[in-house]
Amino acid sequence: MTQLAATFAALSDRTRLAVVERLMAQGELAAGDLVADVEMSAPAVSRHLKVLRKAGVIQQRVAGTKRYYSVQPNALKAISDWTISHRAFWEAGLDRLDALLAHDGGTDDG
């Protein structure tokens, strides 16, 4: 599996996506802070964090007995780069749809 596919797979779960969005908004957080705001056990959150770490979406920093998590910017940049590289495809499709709708809307059968 390519790194980008692993990133998309990790983010396909709504809990993991919510964790990443929270880390993006608030910056580095301790694992306990991430557990405190979800209706899920600490081991379940830990499993989600492990998936995100293995996919390279987040990174972990250990300080004493605490583990801190933050977003790995390169993983999110890869998504952005992929999206931008496919922009021409989407724009061409939307242009064809606009042309089709304009053509169908221009005929009056009644």
PDB file of N, CA and C in Angstrom:
ATOM      1  N   MET A   1       0.864  -1.174   0.000  1.00  0.00           N
ATOM      2  CA  MET A   1       0.000   0.000   0.000  1.00  0.00           C
ATOM      3  C   MET A   1       0.908   1.234   0.000  1.00  0.00           C
ATOM      4  N   THR A   2       0.609   2.170  -0.860  1.00  0.00           N
ATOM      5  CA  THR A   2       1.407   3.385  -0.902  1.00  0.00           C
ATOM      6  C   THR A   2       1.141   4.224   0.345  1.00  0.00           C
ATOM      7  N   GLN A   3       2.027   5.159   0.600  1.00  0.00           N
ATOM      8  CA  GLN A   3       1.864   6.014   1.774  1.00  0.00           C
ATOM      9  C   GLN A   3       0.560   6.812   1.694  1.00  0.00           C
ATOM     10  N   LEU A   4       0.234   7.302   0.506  1.00  0.00           N
ATOM     11  CA  LEU A   4      -1.005   8.070   0.360  1.00  0.00           C
ATOM     12  C   LEU A   4      -2.228   7.192   0.624  1.00  0.00           C
ATOM     13  N   ALA A   5      -2.202   5.961   0.137  1.00  0.00           N
ATOM     14  CA  ALA A   5      -3.322   5.050   0.385  1.00  0.00           C
ATOM     15  C   ALA A   5      -3.443   4.758   1.876  1.00  0.00           C
ATOM     16  N   ALA A   6      -2.317   4.595   2.550  1.00  0.00           N
ATOM     17  CA  ALA A   6      -2.341   4.356   3.997  1.00  0.00           C
ATOM     18  C   ALA A   6      -2.917   5.567   4.732  1.00  0.00           C
ATOM     19  N   THR A   7      -2.581   6.753   4.266  1.00  0.00           N
ATOM     20  CA  THR A   7      -3.112   7.978   4.873  1.00  0.00           C
ATOM     21  C   THR A   7      -4.625   8.050   4.703  1.00  0.00           C
ATOM     22  N   PHE A   8      -5.105   7.824   3.480  1.00  0.00           N
ATOM     23  CA  PHE A   8      -6.551   7.844   3.243  1.00  0.00           C
ATOM     24  C   PHE A   8      -7.254   6.757   4.059  1.00  0.00           C
ATOM     25  N   ALA A   9      -6.664   5.575   4.128  1.00  0.00           N
ATOM     26  CA  ALA A   9      -7.272   4.482   4.893  1.00  0.00           C
ATOM     27  C   ALA A   9      -7.379   4.856   6.369  1.00  0.00           C
ATOM     28  N   ALA A  10      -6.334   5.449   6.914  1.00  0.00           N
ATOM     29  CA  ALA A  10      -6.352   5.843   8.330  1.00  0.00           C
ATOM     30  C   ALA A  10      -7.397   6.909   8.592  1.00  0.00           C
ATOM     31  N   LEU A  11      -7.562   7.832   7.663  1.00  0.00           N
ATOM     32  CA  LEU A  11      -8.507   8.932   7.850  1.00  0.00           C
ATOM     33  C   LEU A  11      -9.941   8.562   7.471  1.00  0.00           C
ATOM     34  N   SER A  12     -10.139   7.357   6.938  1.00  0.00           N
ATOM     35  CA  SER A  12     -11.493   6.967   6.520  1.00  0.00           C
ATOM     36  C   SER A  12     -12.411   6.681   7.699  1.00  0.00           C
ATOM     37  N   ASP A  13     -11.839   6.486   8.867  1.00  0.00           N
ATOM     38  CA  ASP A  13     -12.637   6.271  10.069  1.00  0.00           C
ATOM     39  C   ASP A  13     -12.972   7.621  10.698  1.00  0.00           C
ATOM     40  N   ARG A  14     -14.225   7.845  11.028  1.00  0.00           N
ATOM     41  CA  ARG A  14     -14.633   9.166  11.523  1.00  0.00           C
ATOM     42  C   ARG A  14     -13.996   9.525  12.859  1.00  0.00           C
ATOM     43  N   THR A  15     -13.738   8.545  13.704  1.00  0.00           N
ATOM     44  CA  THR A  15     -13.071   8.830  14.977  1.00  0.00           C
ATOM     45  C   THR A  15     -11.649   9.314  14.736  1.00  0.00           C
ATOM     46  N   ARG A  16     -10.926   8.620  13.852  1.00  0.00           N
ATOM     47  CA  ARG A  16      -9.548   9.029  13.564  1.00  0.00           C
ATOM     48  C   ARG A  16      -9.510  10.382  12.870  1.00  0.00           C
ATOM     49  N   LEU A  17     -10.444  10.613  11.967  1.00  0.00           N
ATOM     50  CA  LEU A  17     -10.502  11.917  11.311  1.00  0.00           C
ATOM     51  C   LEU A  17     -10.774  13.012  12.335  1.00  0.00           C
ATOM     52  N   ALA A  18     -11.656  12.755  13.282  1.00  0.00           N
ATOM     53  CA  ALA A  18     -11.961  13.740  14.329  1.00  0.00           C
ATOM     54  C   ALA A  18     -10.727  14.019  15.195  1.00  0.00           C
ATOM     55  N   VAL A  19      -9.960  12.988  15.494  1.00  0.00           N
ATOM     56  CA  VAL A  19      -8.730  13.174  16.276  1.00  0.00           C
ATOM     57  C   VAL A  19      -7.766  14.074  15.513  1.00  0.00           C
ATOM     58  N   VAL A  20      -7.583  13.806  14.230  1.00  0.00           N
ATOM     59  CA  VAL A  20      -6.662  14.610  13.420  1.00  0.00           C
ATOM     60  C   VAL A  20      -7.161  16.048  13.318  1.00  0.00           C
ATOM     61  N   GLU A  21      -8.448  16.241  13.103  1.00  0.00           N
ATOM     62  CA  GLU A  21      -8.991  17.597  13.030  1.00  0.00           C
ATOM     63  C   GLU A  21      -8.773  18.339  14.347  1.00  0.00           C
ATOM     64  N   ARG A  22      -8.958  17.641  15.456  1.00  0.00           N
ATOM     65  CA  ARG A  22      -8.743  18.279  16.763  1.00  0.00           C
ATOM     66  C   ARG A  22      -7.278  18.656  16.946  1.00  0.00           C
ATOM     67  N   LEU A  23      -6.380  17.762  16.576  1.00  0.00           N
ATOM     68  CA  LEU A  23      -4.954  18.069  16.694  1.00  0.00           C
ATOM     69  C   LEU A  23      -4.554  19.222  15.776  1.00  0.00           C
ATOM     70  N   MET A  24      -5.170  19.294  14.608  1.00  0.00           N
ATOM     71  CA  MET A  24      -4.883  20.411  13.703  1.00  0.00           C
ATOM     72  C   MET A  24      -5.354  21.728  14.310  1.00  0.00           C
ATOM     73  N   ALA A  25      -6.499  21.706  14.947  1.00  0.00           N
ATOM     74  CA  ALA A  25      -7.074  22.934  15.515  1.00  0.00           C
ATOM     75  C   ALA A  25      -6.380  23.360  16.803  1.00  0.00           C
ATOM     76  N   GLN A  26      -6.007  22.390  17.639  1.00  0.00           N
ATOM     77  CA  GLN A  26      -5.505  22.720  18.969  1.00  0.00           C
ATOM     78  C   GLN A  26      -4.012  22.495  19.147  1.00  0.00           C
ATOM     79  N   GLY A  27      -3.380  21.840  18.204  1.00  0.00           N
ATOM     80  CA  GLY A  27      -1.963  21.546  18.339  1.00  0.00           C
ATOM     81  C   GLY A  27      -1.738  20.287  19.151  1.00  0.00           C
ATOM     82  N   GLU A  28      -0.520  20.110  19.601  1.00  0.00           N
ATOM     83  CA  GLU A  28      -0.140  18.906  20.334  1.00  0.00           C
ATOM     84  C   GLU A  28      -0.992  18.722  21.586  1.00  0.00           C
ATOM     85  N   LEU A  29      -1.458  17.480  21.785  1.00  0.00           N
ATOM     86  CA  LEU A  29      -2.277  17.154  22.957  1.00  0.00           C
ATOM     87  C   LEU A  29      -1.798  15.853  23.574  1.00  0.00           C
ATOM     88  N   ALA A  30      -1.977  15.763  24.878  1.00  0.00           N
ATOM     89  CA  ALA A  30      -1.673  14.529  25.593  1.00  0.00           C
ATOM     90  C   ALA A  30      -2.756  13.504  25.292  1.00  0.00           C
ATOM     91  N   ALA A  31      -2.388  12.233  25.363  1.00  0.00           N
ATOM     92  CA  ALA A  31      -3.344  11.162  25.110  1.00  0.00           C
ATOM     93  C   ALA A  31      -4.552  11.277  26.029  1.00  0.00           C
ATOM     94  N   GLY A  32      -4.308  11.631  27.286  1.00  0.00           N
ATOM     95  CA  GLY A  32      -5.415  11.775  28.237  1.00  0.00           C
ATOM     96  C   GLY A  32      -6.414  12.826  27.819  1.00  0.00           C
ATOM     97  N   ASP A  33      -5.944  13.898  27.204  1.00  0.00           N
ATOM     98  CA  ASP A  33      -6.849  14.943  26.715  1.00  0.00           C
ATOM     99  C   ASP A  33      -7.703  14.435  25.559  1.00  0.00           C
ATOM    100  N   LEU A  34      -7.108  13.601  24.728  1.00  0.00           N
ATOM    101  CA  LEU A  34      -7.862  13.045  23.599  1.00  0.00           C
ATOM    102  C   LEU A  34      -8.924  12.061  24.075  1.00  0.00           C
ATOM    103  N   VAL A  35      -8.606  11.306  25.113  1.00  0.00           N
ATOM    104  CA  VAL A  35      -9.554  10.327  25.655  1.00  0.00           C
ATOM    105  C   VAL A  35     -10.693  11.026  26.386  1.00  0.00           C
ATOM    106  N   ALA A  36     -10.384  12.111  27.078  1.00  0.00           N
ATOM    107  CA  ALA A  36     -11.371  12.781  27.925  1.00  0.00           C
ATOM    108  C   ALA A  36     -12.581  13.297  27.149  1.00  0.00           C
ATOM    109  N   ASP A  37     -12.412  13.627  25.882  1.00  0.00           N
ATOM    110  CA  ASP A  37     -13.496  14.251  25.133  1.00  0.00           C
ATOM    111  C   ASP A  37     -14.268  13.305  24.212  1.00  0.00           C
ATOM    112  N   VAL A  38     -14.006  12.016  24.309  1.00  0.00           N
ATOM    113  CA  VAL A  38     -14.742  11.071  23.466  1.00  0.00           C
ATOM    114  C   VAL A  38     -15.419  10.022  24.337  1.00  0.00           C
ATOM    115  N   GLU A  39     -16.467   9.469  23.829  1.00  0.00           N
ATOM    116  CA  GLU A  39     -17.187   8.423  24.561  1.00  0.00           C
ATOM    117  C   GLU A  39     -16.633   7.075  24.135  1.00  0.00           C
ATOM    118  N   MET A  40     -15.408   6.823  24.568  1.00  0.00           N
ATOM    119  CA  MET A  40     -14.699   5.639  24.150  1.00  0.00           C
ATOM    120  C   MET A  40     -13.648   5.333  25.212  1.00  0.00           C
ATOM    121  N   SER A  41     -13.343   4.091  25.385  1.00  0.00           N
ATOM    122  CA  SER A  41     -12.339   3.714  26.383  1.00  0.00           C
ATOM    123  C   SER A  41     -10.941   4.150  25.941  1.00  0.00           C
ATOM    124  N   ALA A  42     -10.061   4.291  26.916  1.00  0.00           N
ATOM    125  CA  ALA A  42      -8.677   4.659  26.624  1.00  0.00           C
ATOM    126  C   ALA A  42      -8.010   3.640  25.698  1.00  0.00           C
ATOM    127  N   PRO A  43      -8.211   2.331  25.900  1.00  0.00           N
ATOM    128  CA  PRO A  43      -7.604   1.374  24.971  1.00  0.00           C
ATOM    129  C   PRO A  43      -8.118   1.527  23.532  1.00  0.00           C
ATOM    130  N   ALA A  44      -9.385   1.862  23.376  1.00  0.00           N
ATOM    131  CA  ALA A  44      -9.935   2.048  22.030  1.00  0.00           C
ATOM    132  C   ALA A  44      -9.305   3.267  21.363  1.00  0.00           C
ATOM    133  N   VAL A  45      -9.165   4.360  22.104  1.00  0.00           N
ATOM    134  CA  VAL A  45      -8.515   5.560  21.561  1.00  0.00           C
ATOM    135  C   VAL A  45      -7.066   5.234  21.221  1.00  0.00           C
ATOM    136  N   SER A  46      -6.418   4.470  22.075  1.00  0.00           N
ATOM    137  CA  SER A  46      -5.029   4.081  21.836  1.00  0.00           C
ATOM    138  C   SER A  46      -4.888   3.303  20.527  1.00  0.00           C
ATOM    139  N   ARG A  47      -5.841   2.439  20.226  1.00  0.00           N
ATOM    140  CA  ARG A  47      -5.798   1.684  18.967  1.00  0.00           C
ATOM    141  C   ARG A  47      -5.941   2.621  17.770  1.00  0.00           C
ATOM    142  N   HIS A  48      -6.816   3.618  17.877  1.00  0.00           N
ATOM    143  CA  HIS A  48      -6.961   4.596  16.795  1.00  0.00           C
ATOM    144  C   HIS A  48      -5.674   5.396  16.614  1.00  0.00           C
ATOM    145  N   LEU A  49      -5.068   5.795  17.714  1.00  0.00           N
ATOM    146  CA  LEU A  49      -3.813   6.546  17.636  1.00  0.00           C
ATOM    147  C   LEU A  49      -2.714   5.704  16.993  1.00  0.00           C
ATOM    148  N   LYS A  50      -2.699   4.416  17.291  1.00  0.00           N
ATOM    149  CA  LYS A  50      -1.706   3.519  16.704  1.00  0.00           C
ATOM    150  C   LYS A  50      -1.864   3.447  15.187  1.00  0.00           C
ATOM    151  N   VAL A  51      -3.103   3.351  14.712  1.00  0.00           N
ATOM    152  CA  VAL A  51      -3.366   3.317  13.268  1.00  0.00           C
ATOM    153  C   VAL A  51      -2.867   4.612  12.622  1.00  0.00           C
ATOM    154  N   LEU A  52      -3.161   5.746  13.251  1.00  0.00           N
ATOM    155  CA  LEU A  52      -2.724   7.035  12.705  1.00  0.00           C
ATOM    156  C   LEU A  52      -1.206   7.163  12.705  1.00  0.00           C
ATOM    157  N   ARG A  53      -0.567   6.659  13.755  1.00  0.00           N
ATOM    158  CA  ARG A  53       0.908   6.702  13.823  1.00  0.00           C
ATOM    159  C   ARG A  53       1.522   5.820  12.745  1.00  0.00           C
ATOM    160  N   LYS A  54       1.011   4.597  12.594  1.00  0.00           N
ATOM    161  CA  LYS A  54       1.547   3.676  11.589  1.00  0.00           C
ATOM    162  C   LYS A  54       1.387   4.237  10.177  1.00  0.00           C
ATOM    163  N   ALA A  55       0.312   4.987   9.944  1.00  0.00           N
ATOM    164  CA  ALA A  55       0.076   5.588   8.631  1.00  0.00           C
ATOM    165  C   ALA A  55       0.898   6.856   8.434  1.00  0.00           C
ATOM    166  N   GLY A  56       1.559   7.317   9.487  1.00  0.00           N
ATOM    167  CA  GLY A  56       2.376   8.523   9.379  1.00  0.00           C
ATOM    168  C   GLY A  56       1.584   9.814   9.440  1.00  0.00           C
ATOM    169  N   VAL A  57       0.334   9.747   9.890  1.00  0.00           N
ATOM    170  CA  VAL A  57      -0.520  10.925   9.950  1.00  0.00           C
ATOM    171  C   VAL A  57      -0.242  11.748  11.199  1.00  0.00           C
ATOM    172  N   ILE A  58       0.076  11.069  12.302  1.00  0.00           N
ATOM    173  CA  ILE A  58       0.415  11.774  13.537  1.00  0.00           C
ATOM    174  C   ILE A  58       1.759  11.258  14.047  1.00  0.00           C
ATOM    175  N   GLN A  59       2.336  12.027  14.941  1.00  0.00           N
ATOM    176  CA  GLN A  59       3.573  11.600  15.591  1.00  0.00           C
ATOM    177  C   GLN A  59       3.382  11.650  17.092  1.00  0.00           C
ATOM    178  N   GLN A  60       4.180  10.857  17.768  1.00  0.00           N
ATOM    179  CA  GLN A  60       4.087  10.735  19.215  1.00  0.00           C
ATOM    180  C   GLN A  60       5.388  11.230  19.840  1.00  0.00           C
ATOM    181  N   ARG A  61       5.226  11.948  20.956  1.00  0.00           N
ATOM    182  CA  ARG A  61       6.366  12.399  21.740  1.00  0.00           C
ATOM    183  C   ARG A  61       6.129  11.942  23.166  1.00  0.00           C
ATOM    184  N   VAL A  62       7.143  11.326  23.760  1.00  0.00           N
ATOM    185  CA  VAL A  62       7.031  10.836  25.125  1.00  0.00           C
ATOM    186  C   VAL A  62       7.786  11.778  26.045  1.00  0.00           C
ATOM    187  N   ALA A  63       7.112  12.207  27.114  1.00  0.00           N
ATOM    188  CA  ALA A  63       7.732  13.055  28.137  1.00  0.00           C
ATOM    189  C   ALA A  63       7.361  12.461  29.493  1.00  0.00           C
ATOM    190  N   GLY A  64       8.314  11.779  30.107  1.00  0.00           N
ATOM    191  CA  GLY A  64       8.018  11.107  31.370  1.00  0.00           C
ATOM    192  C   GLY A  64       7.027   9.986  31.142  1.00  0.00           C
ATOM    193  N   THR A  65       5.907  10.042  31.841  1.00  0.00           N
ATOM    194  CA  THR A  65       4.884   9.005  31.684  1.00  0.00           C
ATOM    195  C   THR A  65       3.780   9.415  30.709  1.00  0.00           C
ATOM    196  N   LYS A  66       3.879  10.605  30.149  1.00  0.00           N
ATOM    197  CA  LYS A  66       2.833  11.093  29.234  1.00  0.00           C
ATOM    198  C   LYS A  66       3.258  10.930  27.785  1.00  0.00           C
ATOM    199  N   ARG A  67       2.249  10.713  26.958  1.00  0.00           N
ATOM    200  CA  ARG A  67       2.453  10.644  25.518  1.00  0.00           C
ATOM    201  C   ARG A  67       1.674  11.787  24.890  1.00  0.00           C
ATOM    202  N   TYR A  68       2.371  12.529  24.040  1.00  0.00           N
ATOM    203  CA  TYR A  68       1.778  13.673  23.356  1.00  0.00           C
ATOM    204  C   TYR A  68       1.709  13.368  21.861  1.00  0.00           C
ATOM    205  N   TYR A  69       0.631  13.840  21.239  1.00  0.00           N
ATOM    206  CA  TYR A  69       0.415  13.576  19.824  1.00  0.00           C
ATOM    207  C   TYR A  69       0.245  14.881  19.063  1.00  0.00           C
ATOM    208  N   SER A  70       0.767  14.882  17.859  1.00  0.00           N
ATOM    209  CA  SER A  70       0.606  16.033  16.972  1.00  0.00           C
ATOM    210  C   SER A  70       0.514  15.523  15.534  1.00  0.00           C
ATOM    211  N   VAL A  71      -0.022  16.379  14.666  1.00  0.00           N
ATOM    212  CA  VAL A  71      -0.200  16.023  13.260  1.00  0.00           C
ATOM    213  C   VAL A  71       1.157  16.078  12.558  1.00  0.00           C
ATOM    214  N   GLN A  72       1.361  15.131  11.681  1.00  0.00           N
ATOM    215  CA  GLN A  72       2.558  15.095  10.842  1.00  0.00           C
ATOM    216  C   GLN A  72       2.223  15.865   9.562  1.00  0.00           C
ATOM    217  N   PRO A  73       2.717  17.093   9.416  1.00  0.00           N
ATOM    218  CA  PRO A  73       2.316  17.935   8.283  1.00  0.00           C
ATOM    219  C   PRO A  73       2.569  17.323   6.913  1.00  0.00           C
ATOM    220  N   ASN A  74       3.615  16.536   6.761  1.00  0.00           N
ATOM    221  CA  ASN A  74       3.920  15.956   5.446  1.00  0.00           C
ATOM    222  C   ASN A  74       2.816  15.025   4.953  1.00  0.00           C
ATOM    223  N   ALA A  75       2.164  14.331   5.857  1.00  0.00           N
ATOM    224  CA  ALA A  75       1.081  13.433   5.458  1.00  0.00           C
ATOM    225  C   ALA A  75      -0.097  14.228   4.894  1.00  0.00           C
ATOM    226  N   LEU A  76      -0.409  15.337   5.533  1.00  0.00           N
ATOM    227  CA  LEU A  76      -1.526  16.153   5.050  1.00  0.00           C
ATOM    228  C   LEU A  76      -1.146  16.905   3.780  1.00  0.00           C
ATOM    229  N   LYS A  77       0.120  17.248   3.639  1.00  0.00           N
ATOM    230  CA  LYS A  77       0.588  17.892   2.405  1.00  0.00           C
ATOM    231  C   LYS A  77       0.455  16.925   1.232  1.00  0.00           C
ATOM    232  N   ALA A  78       0.706  15.647   1.477  1.00  0.00           N
ATOM    233  CA  ALA A  78       0.567  14.648   0.416  1.00  0.00           C
ATOM    234  C   ALA A  78      -0.876  14.590  -0.092  1.00  0.00           C
ATOM    235  N   ILE A  79      -1.837  14.701   0.814  1.00  0.00           N
ATOM    236  CA  ILE A  79      -3.248  14.726   0.401  1.00  0.00           C
ATOM    237  C   ILE A  79      -3.521  15.976  -0.430  1.00  0.00           C
ATOM    238  N   SER A  80      -3.030  17.099   0.028  1.00  0.00           N
ATOM    239  CA  SER A  80      -3.215  18.355  -0.699  1.00  0.00           C
ATOM    240  C   SER A  80      -2.593  18.277  -2.093  1.00  0.00           C
ATOM    241  N   ASP A  81      -1.370  17.762  -2.175  1.00  0.00           N
ATOM    242  CA  ASP A  81      -0.693  17.630  -3.469  1.00  0.00           C
ATOM    243  C   ASP A  81      -1.463  16.719  -4.407  1.00  0.00           C
ATOM    244  N   TRP A  82      -1.979  15.612  -3.878  1.00  0.00           N
ATOM    245  CA  TRP A  82      -2.740  14.677  -4.695  1.00  0.00           C
ATOM    246  C   TRP A  82      -4.007  15.350  -5.226  1.00  0.00           C
ATOM    247  N   THR A  83      -4.688  16.081  -4.352  1.00  0.00           N
ATOM    248  CA  THR A  83      -5.918  16.769  -4.745  1.00  0.00           C
ATOM    249  C   THR A  83      -5.649  17.798  -5.837  1.00  0.00           C
ATOM    250  N   ILE A  84      -4.600  18.567  -5.663  1.00  0.00           N
ATOM    251  CA  ILE A  84      -4.249  19.583  -6.654  1.00  0.00           C
ATOM    252  C   ILE A  84      -3.879  18.935  -7.987  1.00  0.00           C
ATOM    253  N   SER A  85      -3.168  17.810  -7.935  1.00  0.00           N
ATOM    254  CA  SER A  85      -2.764  17.150  -9.179  1.00  0.00           C
ATOM    255  C   SER A  85      -3.957  16.587  -9.945  1.00  0.00           C
ATOM    256  N   HIS A  86      -5.064  16.350  -9.275  1.00  0.00           N
ATOM    257  CA  HIS A  86      -6.266  15.828  -9.932  1.00  0.00           C
ATOM    258  C   HIS A  86      -7.296  16.917 -10.231  1.00  0.00           C
ATOM    259  N   ARG A  87      -6.932  18.135  -9.973  1.00  0.00           N
ATOM    260  CA  ARG A  87      -7.856  19.256 -10.176  1.00  0.00           C
ATOM    261  C   ARG A  87      -8.319  19.370 -11.628  1.00  0.00           C
ATOM    262  N   ALA A  88      -7.406  19.184 -12.585  1.00  0.00           N
ATOM    263  CA  ALA A  88      -7.772  19.291 -14.004  1.00  0.00           C
ATOM    264  C   ALA A  88      -8.839  18.262 -14.365  1.00  0.00           C
ATOM    265  N   PHE A  89      -8.730  17.061 -13.815  1.00  0.00           N
ATOM    266  CA  PHE A  89      -9.729  16.026 -14.074  1.00  0.00           C
ATOM    267  C   PHE A  89     -11.112  16.480 -13.616  1.00  0.00           C
ATOM    268  N   TRP A  90     -11.192  16.982 -12.383  1.00  0.00           N
ATOM    269  CA  TRP A  90     -12.480  17.406 -11.833  1.00  0.00           C
ATOM    270  C   TRP A  90     -13.031  18.609 -12.585  1.00  0.00           C
ATOM    271  N   GLU A  91     -12.173  19.556 -12.915  1.00  0.00           N
ATOM    272  CA  GLU A  91     -12.642  20.739 -13.641  1.00  0.00           C
ATOM    273  C   GLU A  91     -13.165  20.364 -15.018  1.00  0.00           C
ATOM    274  N   ALA A  92     -12.492  19.462 -15.723  1.00  0.00           N
ATOM    275  CA  ALA A  92     -12.953  19.038 -17.045  1.00  0.00           C
ATOM    276  C   ALA A  92     -14.308  18.345 -16.937  1.00  0.00           C
ATOM    277  N   GLY A  93     -14.469  17.522 -15.937  1.00  0.00           N
ATOM    278  CA  GLY A  93     -15.753  16.849 -15.743  1.00  0.00           C
ATOM    279  C   GLY A  93     -16.870  17.832 -15.448  1.00  0.00           C
ATOM    280  N   LEU A  94     -16.585  18.806 -14.621  1.00  0.00           N
ATOM    281  CA  LEU A  94     -17.600  19.808 -14.292  1.00  0.00           C
ATOM    282  C   LEU A  94     -17.915  20.680 -15.497  1.00  0.00           C
ATOM    283  N   ASP A  95     -16.906  20.981 -16.326  1.00  0.00           N
ATOM    284  CA  ASP A  95     -17.147  21.752 -17.552  1.00  0.00           C
ATOM    285  C   ASP A  95     -18.054  20.973 -18.502  1.00  0.00           C
ATOM    286  N   ARG A  96     -17.814  19.652 -18.612  1.00  0.00           N
ATOM    287  CA  ARG A  96     -18.679  18.822 -19.477  1.00  0.00           C
ATOM    288  C   ARG A  96     -20.103  18.791 -18.938  1.00  0.00           C
ATOM    289  N   LEU A  97     -20.251  18.708 -17.625  1.00  0.00           N
ATOM    290  CA  LEU A  97     -21.575  18.705 -17.014  1.00  0.00           C
ATOM    291  C   LEU A  97     -22.277  20.038 -17.266  1.00  0.00           C
ATOM    292  N   ASP A  98     -21.581  21.152 -17.104  1.00  0.00           N
ATOM    293  CA  ASP A  98     -22.161  22.473 -17.387  1.00  0.00           C
ATOM    294  C   ASP A  98     -22.626  22.563 -18.836  1.00  0.00           C
ATOM    295  N   ALA A  99     -21.805  22.073 -19.760  1.00  0.00           N
ATOM    296  CA  ALA A  99     -22.170  22.118 -21.180  1.00  0.00           C
ATOM    297  C   ALA A  99     -23.401  21.264 -21.446  1.00  0.00           C
ATOM    298  N   LEU A 100     -23.453  20.091 -20.844  1.00  0.00           N
ATOM    299  CA  LEU A 100     -24.601  19.207 -21.028  1.00  0.00           C
ATOM    300  C   LEU A 100     -25.875  19.840 -20.466  1.00  0.00           C
ATOM    301  N   LEU A 101     -25.774  20.410 -19.287  1.00  0.00           N
ATOM    302  CA  LEU A 101     -26.944  21.061 -18.683  1.00  0.00           C
ATOM    303  C   LEU A 101     -27.397  22.266 -19.494  1.00  0.00           C
ATOM    304  N   ALA A 102     -26.447  23.017 -20.020  1.00  0.00           N
ATOM    305  CA  ALA A 102     -26.787  24.187 -20.857  1.00  0.00           C
ATOM    306  C   ALA A 102     -27.469  23.724 -22.136  1.00  0.00           C
ATOM    307  N   HIS A 103     -26.984  22.629 -22.708  1.00  0.00           N
ATOM    308  CA  HIS A 103     -27.572  22.111 -23.946  1.00  0.00           C
ATOM    309  C   HIS A 103     -28.982  21.583 -23.704  1.00  0.00           C
ATOM    310  N   ASP A 104     -29.169  20.817 -22.631  1.00  0.00           N
ATOM    311  CA  ASP A 104     -30.488  20.265 -22.313  1.00  0.00           C
ATOM    312  C   ASP A 104     -31.458  21.353 -21.894  1.00  0.00           C
ATOM    313  N   GLY A 105     -30.979  22.353 -21.230  1.00  0.00           N
ATOM    314  CA  GLY A 105     -31.850  23.439 -20.773  1.00  0.00           C
ATOM    315  C   GLY A 105     -32.248  24.366 -21.908  1.00  0.00           C
ATOM    316  N   GLY A 106     -31.499  24.336 -22.995  1.00  0.00           N
ATOM    317  CA  GLY A 106     -31.765  25.222 -24.119  1.00  0.00           C
ATOM    318  C   GLY A 106     -32.811  24.705 -25.087  1.00  0.00           C
ATOM    319  N   THR A 107     -33.173  23.419 -24.978  1.00  0.00           N
ATOM    320  CA  THR A 107     -34.175  22.870 -25.883  1.00  0.00           C
ATOM    321  C   THR A 107     -35.541  22.940 -25.235  1.00  0.00           C
ATOM    322  N   ASP A 108     -36.528  23.297 -26.000  1.00  0.00           N
ATOM    323  CA  ASP A 108     -37.900  23.409 -25.494  1.00  0.00           C
ATOM    324  C   ASP A 108     -38.770  22.450 -26.291  1.00  0.00           C
ATOM    325  N   ASP A 109     -39.174  21.357 -25.674  1.00  0.00           N
ATOM    326  CA  ASP A 109     -39.972  20.351 -26.362  1.00  0.00           C
ATOM    327  C   ASP A 109     -41.469  20.611 -26.237  1.00  0.00           C
ATOM    328  N   GLY A 110     -41.889  21.548 -25.469  1.00  0.00           N
ATOM    329  CA  GLY A 110     -43.284  21.718 -25.183  1.00  0.00           C
ATOM    330  C   GLY A 110     -43.870  22.812 -25.910  1.00  0.00           C
TER     331      GLY A 110
END
